[in-house]
Amino acid sequence: MTLAARTAPSATEHTARAGSVSLRGLTKSFGEFTAVRELDLDVAPGEFLSMLGPSGSGKTTVLRVIAGFEDATSGSVLLSGKDVTRTPPHSRDVNTVFQDYALFPHLSIAENVGYGLRVRGTSKAARGEQVSESLRRVRLDHVADRLPHQLSGGQRQRIALARALILRPQVLLLDEPLGALDKQLREQMQIELKQIQREVGITFIFVTHDQEEALTLSDRVAVFNNGRIEQVGSAREVYEDPQTEFVARFLGLSNLIEGDLADELTGDRRTMSIRPERVRLQAPSDPLADGDVGLLGAVKEIVYTGPATRYLIAADAGMDLIAERPNSDRPAQQHVLRRGDHVRAVWTPLHAARLP
């Protein structure tokens, strides 16, 4: 899916408009409750960073502090090197897109998109030109005269995005903007959102609790837990090489093998994190390949997910393992496993992450 063709801004224009964000020792407390604790984070100009974590982990609070909607209890917020910790929201060169769209119901789509320019005092002619360009960017120039209630949820979300981008902020903050959409539309919007971000070159900071969404969209992911960042890195890094048990468990499914069992299998007591797609199932009588390790067990449950089939294995060692097999062959060509079948769950230790 492609967006309407337009001349992309030059790399120089991107750099000029994209801002860096630096948080230093950021703490935010509400009474006796501390929502964010001594947090440090750097976001590069033009980067798409997702803040991922469960509800209550502090990610939305951090976003609101960057926007200026909440005051930091201590620490500092820097935008392109300038300390804006005590700067009011309207004086920060950032804009925010919320989950509820916040469109004016009595204004047309064109009037909604151009509202910020109108407040700035931009001339009517210049405003009209920029509104048309913004609507073309999100492929909705044909709905300029409609009212918000006449649009679908996905269209309203794109209008909210166009309204935020028309002001060309250095940083765009997005607070779970796709959360109210159904799965198919949400996946479509993820693709479009990333394309728009690459086109305009503005720094995006995106809050979500959806792991797949964060991996799909982001240049880097910051995984939040209890007001702290547990790990920050590329999507591949945080998924393939989790640095804490929380990251391994929260970011997708993971099998954790630790202590005596890890030592028995590999000679290393450190906890192993093995993703289900790395675990293969074979007959107990089949020999292990060189370098592989495995656990004997029985199929406890089978879950068909469409692209893959997931198997829950009750291992003889006293733990459950999850294995995932892609449904790449036609059903008639697959060896069908059933609940109760005895198997060996096998993996290569090099494919397992070691938790520090």
Protein backbone atom coordinates (compact mmCIF):
# COMPACT_ATOMS: atom_id res chain seq x y z
CA MET A 1 0.00 0.00 0.00
CA THR A 2 1.43 3.37 -1.03
CA LEU A 3 0.59 6.91 -0.11
CA ALA A 4 -0.18 9.61 -2.62
CA ALA A 5 2.91 10.55 -4.61
CA ARG A 6 4.66 13.76 -3.58
CA THR A 7 8.12 15.22 -3.55
CA ALA A 8 9.82 14.07 -0.37
CA PRO A 9 11.68 16.69 1.67
CA SER A 10 15.44 16.63 1.35
CA ALA A 11 17.63 15.07 4.02
CA THR A 12 18.63 18.60 5.07
CA GLU A 13 15.00 19.60 5.56
CA HIS A 14 14.40 16.44 7.60
CA THR A 15 17.32 17.17 9.91
CA ALA A 16 16.26 20.78 10.30
CA ARG A 17 12.78 19.84 11.49
CA ALA A 18 13.53 16.66 13.41
CA GLY A 19 14.43 17.22 17.04
CA SER A 20 16.34 15.14 19.55
CA VAL A 21 14.88 14.37 22.97
CA SER A 22 16.99 13.73 26.05
CA LEU A 23 15.68 12.79 29.47
CA ARG A 24 18.09 13.03 32.40
CA GLY A 25 17.26 11.56 35.81
CA LEU A 26 13.57 12.04 35.12
CA THR A 27 11.34 11.30 38.11
CA LYS A 28 7.61 11.89 38.38
CA SER A 29 5.66 11.31 41.58
CA PHE A 30 1.98 11.69 42.35
CA GLY A 31 1.84 12.13 46.11
CA GLU A 32 3.53 9.10 47.63
CA PHE A 33 3.35 7.10 44.37
CA THR A 34 6.37 7.32 42.05
CA ALA A 35 5.34 6.65 38.45
CA VAL A 36 8.75 7.24 36.84
CA ARG A 37 12.08 6.70 38.58
CA GLU A 38 15.46 8.28 37.67
CA LEU A 39 14.92 7.66 33.97
CA ASP A 40 17.54 8.44 31.29
CA LEU A 41 16.69 8.22 27.59
CA ASP A 42 18.03 9.70 24.35
CA VAL A 43 15.98 9.86 21.15
CA ALA A 44 17.85 10.80 17.97
CA PRO A 45 16.52 13.32 15.41
CA GLY A 46 14.23 11.59 12.91
CA GLU A 47 14.01 8.40 14.97
CA PHE A 48 10.84 6.36 15.49
CA LEU A 49 11.02 5.23 19.11
CA SER A 50 8.29 3.17 20.78
CA MET A 51 7.81 3.13 24.53
CA LEU A 52 6.40 -0.31 25.24
CA GLY A 53 5.11 -1.69 28.52
CA PRO A 54 2.08 -2.86 30.48
CA SER A 55 -0.49 -0.49 31.94
CA GLY A 56 0.98 1.46 34.83
CA SER A 57 4.59 1.03 33.73
CA GLY A 58 5.17 4.79 33.35
CA LYS A 59 5.33 5.16 29.56
CA THR A 60 2.35 7.52 29.16
CA THR A 61 3.54 9.60 32.13
CA VAL A 62 6.90 10.07 30.39
CA LEU A 63 5.11 11.13 27.20
CA ARG A 64 3.02 13.69 29.12
CA VAL A 65 6.13 15.10 30.81
CA ILE A 66 7.84 15.49 27.40
CA ALA A 67 4.72 17.27 26.11
CA GLY A 68 4.60 19.52 29.20
CA PHE A 69 1.18 18.28 30.34
CA GLU A 70 2.82 17.03 33.56
CA ASP A 71 5.63 18.68 35.51
CA ALA A 72 8.71 16.60 36.31
CA THR A 73 9.25 16.07 40.03
CA SER A 74 13.00 16.05 39.36
CA GLY A 75 15.34 15.63 36.43
CA SER A 76 15.29 17.40 33.08
CA VAL A 77 13.78 17.29 29.59
CA LEU A 78 15.89 18.56 26.70
CA LEU A 79 14.55 19.21 23.19
CA SER A 80 17.30 19.59 20.58
CA GLY A 81 19.71 20.38 23.42
CA LYS A 82 17.49 23.05 24.99
CA ASP A 83 16.21 22.51 28.53
CA VAL A 84 12.40 22.72 28.34
CA THR A 85 11.67 21.13 31.72
CA ARG A 86 9.78 24.21 32.98
CA THR A 87 8.60 25.43 29.56
CA PRO A 88 4.79 25.44 29.13
CA PRO A 89 3.30 23.02 26.55
CA HIS A 90 2.38 25.69 23.97
CA SER A 91 5.99 26.90 23.88
CA ARG A 92 7.48 23.45 23.16
CA ASP A 93 7.96 22.51 19.51
CA VAL A 94 6.15 19.20 19.96
CA ASN A 95 2.66 17.99 19.12
CA THR A 96 0.58 15.10 20.45
CA VAL A 97 -1.84 12.65 18.83
CA PHE A 98 -4.22 10.94 21.24
CA GLN A 99 -6.26 7.74 21.01
CA ASP A 100 -9.57 9.64 21.09
CA TYR A 101 -8.64 11.83 18.05
CA ALA A 102 -9.97 15.04 19.75
CA LEU A 103 -11.40 16.46 16.51
CA PHE A 104 -13.81 19.38 16.69
CA PRO A 105 -17.20 17.87 15.77
CA HIS A 106 -18.67 21.13 14.37
CA LEU A 107 -15.71 21.92 12.07
CA SER A 108 -15.11 20.40 8.64
CA ILE A 109 -12.15 18.13 8.10
CA ALA A 110 -10.24 20.92 6.35
CA GLU A 111 -11.02 23.31 9.22
CA ASN A 112 -9.88 20.72 11.78
CA VAL A 113 -6.58 20.15 10.00
CA GLY A 114 -5.93 23.87 9.56
CA TYR A 115 -6.98 24.90 13.08
CA GLY A 116 -3.43 25.17 14.43
CA LEU A 117 -2.32 27.32 11.51
CA ARG A 118 -5.35 29.54 12.04
CA VAL A 119 -4.37 30.05 15.69
CA ARG A 120 -0.84 30.92 14.55
CA GLY A 121 -2.24 33.60 12.24
CA THR A 122 -1.30 31.95 8.96
CA SER A 123 -3.01 33.60 6.00
CA LYS A 124 -6.09 31.94 4.54
CA ALA A 125 -4.39 31.27 1.19
CA ALA A 126 -1.28 29.72 2.75
CA ARG A 127 -3.43 27.79 5.19
CA GLY A 128 -5.53 26.31 2.38
CA GLU A 129 -2.44 25.19 0.48
CA GLN A 130 -0.90 23.50 3.50
CA VAL A 131 -4.19 21.82 4.47
CA SER A 132 -4.52 20.40 0.95
CA GLU A 133 -0.97 19.06 1.10
CA SER A 134 -1.51 17.49 4.52
CA LEU A 135 -4.73 15.81 3.42
CA ARG A 136 -3.05 14.48 0.28
CA ARG A 137 -0.27 13.05 2.45
CA VAL A 138 -2.77 10.92 4.38
CA ARG A 139 -4.81 10.21 1.21
CA LEU A 140 -7.93 11.97 2.45
CA ASP A 141 -8.09 15.13 0.33
CA HIS A 142 -11.47 13.94 -0.99
CA VAL A 143 -13.12 14.31 2.46
CA ALA A 144 -12.09 17.91 3.14
CA ASP A 145 -15.67 19.20 3.33
CA ARG A 146 -17.07 16.43 5.53
CA LEU A 147 -17.59 16.48 9.29
CA PRO A 148 -15.74 14.09 11.62
CA HIS A 149 -18.79 11.93 12.36
CA GLN A 150 -19.03 11.13 8.64
CA LEU A 151 -15.65 9.38 8.64
CA SER A 152 -14.57 5.93 9.77
CA GLY A 153 -12.31 5.41 12.77
CA GLY A 154 -9.26 4.90 10.60
CA GLN A 155 -10.01 8.04 8.60
CA ARG A 156 -10.47 10.11 11.77
CA GLN A 157 -7.14 8.83 13.05
CA ARG A 158 -5.39 9.90 9.85
CA ILE A 159 -7.03 13.34 10.11
CA ALA A 160 -5.74 13.70 13.69
CA LEU A 161 -2.28 12.80 12.38
CA ALA A 162 -2.53 15.34 9.54
CA ARG A 163 -3.61 18.05 12.00
CA ALA A 164 -0.57 17.36 14.19
CA LEU A 165 1.91 17.19 11.30
CA ILE A 166 0.77 20.37 9.55
CA LEU A 167 2.51 22.42 12.25
CA ARG A 168 5.79 20.64 11.43
CA PRO A 169 6.82 20.06 15.06
CA GLN A 170 10.32 18.85 15.85
CA VAL A 171 8.82 15.91 17.73
CA LEU A 172 5.47 14.14 17.39
CA LEU A 173 4.17 12.28 20.45
CA LEU A 174 1.61 9.52 19.88
CA ASP A 175 -0.30 8.12 22.86
CA GLU A 176 -1.68 4.71 21.76
CA PRO A 177 -3.28 6.35 18.70
CA LEU A 178 -4.30 3.03 17.11
CA GLY A 179 -5.76 1.46 20.25
CA ALA A 180 -9.41 2.00 19.30
CA LEU A 181 -9.12 0.44 15.83
CA ASP A 182 -9.96 -3.15 14.91
CA LYS A 183 -7.09 -5.52 14.16
CA GLN A 184 -7.17 -5.33 10.36
CA LEU A 185 -7.43 -1.54 10.26
CA ARG A 186 -4.81 -1.24 12.97
CA GLU A 187 -2.31 -3.27 10.93
CA GLN A 188 -3.06 -1.16 7.85
CA MET A 189 -2.53 2.04 9.84
CA GLN A 190 0.78 0.75 11.20
CA ILE A 191 2.13 0.52 7.66
CA GLU A 192 0.82 3.95 6.73
CA LEU A 193 2.10 5.55 9.93
CA LYS A 194 5.64 4.29 9.31
CA GLN A 195 5.51 5.47 5.69
CA ILE A 196 4.35 8.93 6.77
CA GLN A 197 7.09 9.16 9.40
CA ARG A 198 9.77 8.30 6.85
CA GLU A 199 8.31 10.83 4.43
CA VAL A 200 8.15 13.80 6.80
CA GLY A 201 11.31 12.92 8.74
CA ILE A 202 9.97 14.13 12.09
CA THR A 203 10.98 12.40 15.34
CA PHE A 204 8.15 10.12 16.51
CA ILE A 205 7.77 8.89 20.09
CA PHE A 206 5.03 6.29 20.22
CA VAL A 207 3.38 4.78 23.31
CA THR A 208 1.88 1.30 23.06
CA HIS A 209 1.27 -1.85 25.10
CA ASP A 210 1.09 -3.95 21.91
CA GLN A 211 4.36 -5.85 21.42
CA GLU A 212 3.79 -6.64 17.74
CA GLU A 213 2.96 -3.01 17.02
CA ALA A 214 6.18 -1.80 18.66
CA LEU A 215 8.30 -4.31 16.74
CA THR A 216 6.59 -3.42 13.45
CA LEU A 217 6.93 0.36 13.68
CA SER A 218 10.07 1.19 15.57
CA ASP A 219 13.68 2.00 14.88
CA ARG A 220 14.18 1.31 18.59
CA VAL A 221 11.98 0.04 21.41
CA ALA A 222 12.23 1.11 25.07
CA VAL A 223 10.65 -1.55 27.29
CA PHE A 224 9.13 -0.06 30.46
CA ASN A 225 8.41 -1.78 33.78
CA ASN A 226 7.57 -0.18 37.13
CA GLY A 227 8.62 3.30 36.09
CA ARG A 228 11.99 2.25 34.67
CA ILE A 229 13.37 1.21 31.29
CA GLU A 230 14.37 -2.45 31.43
CA GLN A 231 15.97 -2.44 27.98
CA VAL A 232 16.22 -0.23 24.93
CA GLY A 233 17.37 -1.36 21.50
CA SER A 234 16.28 -2.25 18.00
CA ALA A 235 13.26 -4.49 17.58
CA ARG A 236 15.58 -7.38 16.74
CA GLU A 237 17.81 -6.74 19.75
CA VAL A 238 15.07 -6.63 22.37
CA TYR A 239 13.31 -9.69 20.90
CA GLU A 240 16.30 -11.89 20.11
CA ASP A 241 18.53 -10.86 23.02
CA PRO A 242 16.39 -9.87 26.04
CA GLN A 243 18.48 -8.63 28.94
CA THR A 244 16.00 -9.32 31.74
CA GLU A 245 13.39 -11.94 32.55
CA PHE A 246 10.67 -9.30 32.29
CA VAL A 247 11.64 -8.38 28.71
CA ALA A 248 11.84 -12.06 27.73
CA ARG A 249 8.36 -12.74 29.10
CA PHE A 250 6.65 -9.51 28.05
CA LEU A 251 7.95 -9.25 24.50
CA GLY A 252 6.34 -12.30 22.96
CA LEU A 253 6.40 -15.84 24.30
CA SER A 254 9.56 -17.30 25.78
CA ASN A 255 10.69 -20.51 27.45
CA LEU A 256 12.93 -19.85 30.46
CA ILE A 257 15.24 -22.62 31.66
CA GLU A 258 17.39 -21.88 34.68
CA GLY A 259 19.55 -23.21 37.47
CA ASP A 260 20.25 -26.94 37.71
CA LEU A 261 18.37 -27.82 34.52
CA ALA A 262 20.20 -25.18 32.47
CA ASP A 263 23.48 -26.44 33.92
CA GLU A 264 22.60 -30.06 33.12
CA LEU A 265 21.73 -29.24 29.52
CA THR A 266 24.51 -26.78 28.65
CA GLY A 267 26.99 -26.57 31.52
CA ASP A 268 25.91 -22.98 32.23
CA ARG A 269 23.57 -22.10 35.12
CA ARG A 270 22.51 -18.76 33.67
CA THR A 271 18.87 -18.59 32.63
CA MET A 272 18.22 -19.43 28.99
CA SER A 273 15.44 -17.72 27.04
CA ILE A 274 14.30 -19.78 24.04
CA ARG A 275 11.61 -18.43 21.75
CA PRO A 276 8.93 -21.00 20.77
CA GLU A 277 9.77 -20.75 17.07
CA ARG A 278 13.32 -21.95 17.90
CA VAL A 279 12.03 -25.16 19.52
CA ARG A 280 11.64 -28.16 17.22
CA LEU A 281 9.68 -31.30 18.00
CA GLN A 282 10.93 -34.75 17.06
CA ALA A 283 10.24 -38.35 17.93
CA PRO A 284 11.85 -39.44 21.24
CA SER A 285 13.77 -42.16 19.41
CA ASP A 286 15.34 -39.79 16.89
CA PRO A 287 18.99 -38.91 17.69
CA LEU A 288 19.95 -35.37 18.61
CA ALA A 289 21.96 -33.45 16.03
CA ASP A 290 25.44 -32.34 17.06
CA GLY A 291 25.27 -29.40 19.44
CA ASP A 292 21.53 -29.65 20.08
CA VAL A 293 19.91 -30.21 23.45
CA GLY A 294 16.43 -31.43 24.23
CA LEU A 295 13.85 -32.42 26.80
CA LEU A 296 11.51 -35.39 26.65
CA GLY A 297 7.82 -34.80 27.29
CA ALA A 298 4.26 -35.15 26.06
CA VAL A 299 1.99 -32.86 24.07
CA LYS A 300 -0.31 -31.21 26.60
CA GLU A 301 -2.21 -28.75 24.37
CA ILE A 302 -2.35 -27.70 20.71
CA VAL A 303 -3.40 -24.24 19.52
CA TYR A 304 -3.96 -23.42 15.84
CA THR A 305 -3.31 -19.70 15.17
CA GLY A 306 -3.55 -19.64 11.36
CA PRO A 307 0.05 -18.94 10.28
CA ALA A 308 1.41 -21.32 12.92
CA THR A 309 0.47 -24.12 15.31
CA ARG A 310 1.53 -23.80 18.94
CA TYR A 311 2.28 -26.85 21.10
CA LEU A 312 2.42 -26.89 24.89
CA ILE A 313 4.79 -29.65 25.99
CA ALA A 314 4.77 -31.05 29.54
CA ALA A 315 8.43 -31.95 29.93
CA ASP A 316 9.50 -34.90 32.08
CA ALA A 317 11.88 -32.47 33.84
CA GLY A 318 8.85 -30.85 35.49
CA MET A 319 8.28 -27.74 33.40
CA ASP A 320 6.16 -26.73 30.42
CA LEU A 321 7.67 -25.72 27.09
CA ILE A 322 6.05 -23.98 24.14
CA ALA A 323 7.01 -24.92 20.59
CA GLU A 324 5.69 -23.23 17.47
CA ARG A 325 5.61 -24.74 14.01
CA PRO A 326 4.81 -22.59 10.95
CA ASN A 327 1.93 -23.89 8.85
CA SER A 328 3.99 -23.64 5.66
CA ASP A 329 2.85 -27.02 4.30
CA ARG A 330 -0.66 -28.03 3.42
CA PRO A 331 -2.35 -29.92 6.29
CA ALA A 332 -2.24 -33.22 4.40
CA GLN A 333 1.55 -32.90 4.09
CA GLN A 334 2.20 -32.24 7.79
CA HIS A 335 2.93 -34.85 10.40
CA VAL A 336 -0.03 -34.40 12.72
CA LEU A 337 0.67 -34.42 16.45
CA ARG A 338 -2.08 -35.06 18.96
CA ARG A 339 -2.48 -34.42 22.66
CA GLY A 340 -0.72 -37.11 24.64
CA ASP A 341 1.91 -37.89 21.99
CA HIS A 342 5.43 -38.32 23.35
CA VAL A 343 8.01 -36.02 21.79
CA ARG A 344 11.41 -34.51 22.33
CA ALA A 345 11.59 -30.69 22.37
CA VAL A 346 14.91 -29.76 20.75
CA TRP A 347 16.82 -26.53 20.25
CA THR A 348 20.32 -25.24 19.55
CA PRO A 349 21.83 -23.44 22.58
CA LEU A 350 23.29 -20.77 20.29
CA HIS A 351 19.70 -19.78 19.47
CA ALA A 352 18.93 -19.13 23.14
CA ALA A 353 19.56 -15.80 24.82
CA ARG A 354 21.39 -15.83 28.17
CA LEU A 355 19.95 -13.49 30.76
CA PRO A 356 22.59 -11.58 32.73
